[in-house]
Amino acid sequence: MKFSSYLLIFFIFLFLFQSSSSSNLISQSCKEASKNDPNLKYGFCVESLEDASSKLQPPPTNLEGLVCMSTQLTKSNASNMVSIISKLLKDKSYDQYVKACLRDCFDLYSDSLSDLDDAVVAFKQKDFDTAAIKLSASLDNSETCEDQFKEKKGETSPLTKENQVYFQLNMICLAFLQMLRQHY
């Protein structure tokens, strides 16, 4: 009985140490990334990655792990965007202009999914230049989506908040990749 109690305590401390190490890695990496890029919000970075990290076993232990995790988080968000846009396209309250913009956004975010897959493959092959190009293309898609709505005077995007979240997630990937490139 005593041995099993010690073993349980050991695993609890191990889990707490891993969580603490991951949290520190995230905090320090987000701090450096936000210092290097004024578009990246430190608080958003930490909150998003700590939430995602808490669901992973084991959590990321280095910058490469953070790049992988943040890219997967961005891909999950892009997939969610496709789903949100699909629902909005069924809403009859939007006029033809907004629906055309939404269809374009649907295509852009669908393309982002492919770009993010390509970025992951390139990253795993240590082809950081290609990974950065694919992540940048994916980032541009969120801005293009948002900008389309502004072309018609007085029109507002129903995706502004979601586009901003996606933009931030993608910025995190790019910033971490840039930090990693500096170490290689």
Protein backbone atom coordinates (compact mmCIF):
# COMPACT_ATOMS: atom_id res chain seq x y z
CA MET A 1 0.00 0.00 0.00
CA LYS A 2 2.82 2.37 0.88
CA PHE A 3 4.55 1.86 -2.47
CA SER A 4 1.40 2.69 -4.42
CA SER A 5 0.96 5.89 -2.40
CA TYR A 6 4.53 6.95 -3.19
CA LEU A 7 4.01 6.10 -6.83
CA LEU A 8 0.83 8.18 -6.95
CA ILE A 9 2.60 11.14 -5.32
CA PHE A 10 5.47 10.79 -7.79
CA PHE A 11 3.11 10.93 -10.78
CA ILE A 12 1.26 13.93 -9.34
CA PHE A 13 4.55 15.83 -8.94
CA LEU A 14 5.66 14.77 -12.41
CA PHE A 15 2.39 16.04 -13.90
CA LEU A 16 2.65 19.33 -11.97
CA PHE A 17 6.27 19.77 -13.06
CA GLN A 18 5.37 19.17 -16.71
CA SER A 19 2.46 21.60 -16.50
CA SER A 20 4.64 24.22 -14.81
CA SER A 21 7.45 23.78 -17.37
CA SER A 22 4.99 24.03 -20.26
CA SER A 23 3.36 27.12 -18.76
CA ASN A 24 6.76 28.78 -18.33
CA LEU A 25 7.77 27.87 -21.90
CA ILE A 26 4.53 29.33 -23.21
CA SER A 27 4.80 32.50 -21.15
CA GLN A 28 8.43 33.15 -22.12
CA SER A 29 7.86 32.32 -25.79
CA CYS A 30 4.78 34.53 -26.01
CA LYS A 31 6.67 37.33 -24.27
CA GLU A 32 9.52 37.16 -26.78
CA ALA A 33 7.15 36.79 -29.74
CA SER A 34 4.99 39.77 -28.73
CA LYS A 35 8.10 41.86 -28.13
CA ASN A 36 9.28 41.12 -31.68
CA ASP A 37 5.87 41.64 -33.32
CA PRO A 38 3.55 44.42 -32.15
CA ASN A 39 0.57 42.74 -33.88
CA LEU A 40 0.80 39.74 -31.56
CA LYS A 41 -1.07 40.13 -28.29
CA TYR A 42 0.78 38.59 -25.34
CA GLY A 43 -2.31 37.84 -23.25
CA PHE A 44 -4.10 36.15 -26.14
CA CYS A 45 -1.00 34.09 -26.92
CA VAL A 46 -0.59 32.80 -23.36
CA GLU A 47 -4.29 32.13 -22.80
CA SER A 48 -4.77 30.29 -26.10
CA LEU A 49 -1.67 28.14 -25.80
CA GLU A 50 -2.08 27.30 -22.12
CA ASP A 51 -5.64 26.18 -22.82
CA ALA A 52 -4.50 24.04 -25.77
CA SER A 53 -1.49 22.72 -23.84
CA SER A 54 -3.64 21.58 -20.94
CA LYS A 55 -5.35 19.15 -23.30
CA LEU A 56 -2.10 17.59 -24.55
CA GLN A 57 -0.18 14.79 -22.91
CA PRO A 58 2.64 15.40 -22.85
CA PRO A 59 2.50 19.17 -23.25
CA PRO A 60 5.08 20.85 -25.50
CA THR A 61 8.54 21.07 -23.97
CA ASN A 62 10.34 23.19 -26.55
CA LEU A 63 9.80 25.80 -29.23
CA GLU A 64 9.37 23.16 -31.93
CA GLY A 65 6.52 21.66 -29.92
CA LEU A 66 4.92 25.09 -29.59
CA VAL A 67 5.11 25.64 -33.36
CA CYS A 68 3.38 22.28 -33.95
CA MET A 69 0.74 22.91 -31.29
CA SER A 70 0.00 26.47 -32.43
CA THR A 71 -0.26 25.37 -36.06
CA GLN A 72 -2.70 22.61 -35.13
CA LEU A 73 -4.68 25.12 -33.07
CA THR A 74 -4.80 27.48 -36.05
CA LYS A 75 -5.90 24.64 -38.32
CA SER A 76 -8.67 23.72 -35.90
CA ASN A 77 -9.78 27.34 -35.90
CA ALA A 78 -9.76 27.47 -39.73
CA SER A 79 -11.93 24.35 -39.80
CA ASN A 80 -14.30 26.03 -37.36
CA MET A 81 -14.38 29.11 -39.59
CA VAL A 82 -15.47 26.98 -42.56
CA SER A 83 -18.29 25.61 -40.41
CA ILE A 84 -19.36 29.07 -39.19
CA ILE A 85 -19.38 30.45 -42.73
CA SER A 86 -21.43 27.49 -43.96
CA LYS A 87 -24.08 28.31 -41.37
CA LEU A 88 -24.03 32.02 -42.22
CA LEU A 89 -24.52 31.22 -45.91
CA LYS A 90 -27.84 29.56 -45.01
CA ASP A 91 -29.05 32.69 -43.19
CA LYS A 92 -31.65 34.35 -45.40
CA SER A 93 -31.22 37.75 -43.74
CA TYR A 94 -27.99 38.48 -45.65
CA ASP A 95 -28.15 40.19 -49.04
CA GLN A 96 -26.39 38.93 -52.16
CA TYR A 97 -23.31 41.09 -51.60
CA VAL A 98 -22.71 39.67 -48.11
CA LYS A 99 -23.37 36.13 -49.34
CA ALA A 100 -20.84 36.61 -52.16
CA CYS A 101 -18.29 37.80 -49.61
CA LEU A 102 -19.08 34.84 -47.37
CA ARG A 103 -18.61 32.42 -50.29
CA ASP A 104 -15.23 33.99 -50.97
CA CYS A 105 -14.34 33.70 -47.28
CA PHE A 106 -15.42 30.05 -47.34
CA ASP A 107 -13.02 29.43 -50.23
CA LEU A 108 -10.23 31.38 -48.53
CA TYR A 109 -10.52 29.44 -45.27
CA SER A 110 -10.75 26.16 -47.19
CA ASP A 111 -7.49 27.16 -48.89
CA SER A 112 -6.06 27.98 -45.47
CA LEU A 113 -6.64 24.41 -44.35
CA SER A 114 -4.53 23.19 -47.26
CA ASP A 115 -1.86 25.85 -46.61
CA LEU A 116 -1.68 24.84 -42.95
CA ASP A 117 -1.33 21.16 -43.87
CA ASP A 118 1.50 22.09 -46.23
CA ALA A 119 3.10 24.21 -43.50
CA VAL A 120 3.08 21.27 -41.08
CA VAL A 121 4.69 18.97 -43.66
CA ALA A 122 7.36 21.56 -44.48
CA PHE A 123 8.00 22.22 -40.78
CA LYS A 124 8.46 18.52 -40.01
CA GLN A 125 10.96 18.37 -42.89
CA LYS A 126 12.78 21.38 -41.36
CA ASP A 127 11.94 23.41 -44.47
CA PHE A 128 11.21 26.53 -42.45
CA ASP A 129 11.13 28.84 -45.47
CA THR A 130 8.28 26.91 -47.11
CA ALA A 131 6.49 26.62 -43.77
CA ALA A 132 6.70 30.40 -43.35
CA ILE A 133 5.38 31.00 -46.88
CA LYS A 134 2.41 28.69 -46.28
CA LEU A 135 1.64 30.24 -42.89
CA SER A 136 1.84 33.73 -44.41
CA ALA A 137 -0.56 32.74 -47.19
CA SER A 138 -2.96 31.42 -44.58
CA LEU A 139 -2.66 34.65 -42.60
CA ASP A 140 -3.40 36.74 -45.69
CA ASN A 141 -6.63 34.81 -46.25
CA SER A 142 -8.15 36.12 -43.00
CA GLU A 143 -7.29 39.71 -43.93
CA THR A 144 -8.64 39.27 -47.47
CA CYS A 145 -11.87 37.86 -46.06
CA GLU A 146 -12.33 40.83 -43.75
CA ASP A 147 -11.37 43.43 -46.36
CA GLN A 148 -13.97 42.22 -48.88
CA PHE A 149 -16.81 43.43 -46.72
CA LYS A 150 -15.30 46.90 -46.53
CA GLU A 151 -15.40 47.34 -50.30
CA LYS A 152 -19.10 48.22 -50.11
CA LYS A 153 -19.67 51.40 -48.17
CA GLY A 154 -21.49 50.84 -44.91
CA GLU A 155 -21.13 47.04 -44.98
CA THR A 156 -19.74 45.27 -41.93
CA SER A 157 -18.38 41.78 -41.77
CA PRO A 158 -20.25 39.22 -39.67
CA LEU A 159 -16.84 37.54 -39.21
CA THR A 160 -14.77 40.38 -37.75
CA LYS A 161 -14.23 38.81 -34.33
CA GLU A 162 -13.53 35.36 -35.78
CA ASN A 163 -11.12 36.80 -38.37
CA GLN A 164 -9.24 38.60 -35.59
CA VAL A 165 -8.91 35.41 -33.54
CA TYR A 166 -7.70 33.50 -36.57
CA PHE A 167 -5.24 36.29 -37.40
CA GLN A 168 -3.80 36.19 -33.86
CA LEU A 169 -3.47 32.38 -33.89
CA ASN A 170 -1.69 32.52 -37.21
CA MET A 171 0.59 35.32 -35.99
CA ILE A 172 1.62 33.11 -33.07
CA CYS A 173 2.66 30.34 -35.48
CA LEU A 174 4.66 32.73 -37.64
CA ALA A 175 6.33 34.41 -34.67
CA PHE A 176 7.37 31.10 -33.11
CA LEU A 177 8.61 29.83 -36.46
CA GLN A 178 10.67 33.00 -36.87
CA MET A 179 12.14 32.54 -33.39
CA LEU A 180 13.01 28.95 -34.26
CA ARG A 181 14.61 30.00 -37.55
CA GLN A 182 16.89 32.36 -35.58
CA HIS A 183 18.13 29.42 -33.50
CA TYR A 184 18.99 27.28 -36.54
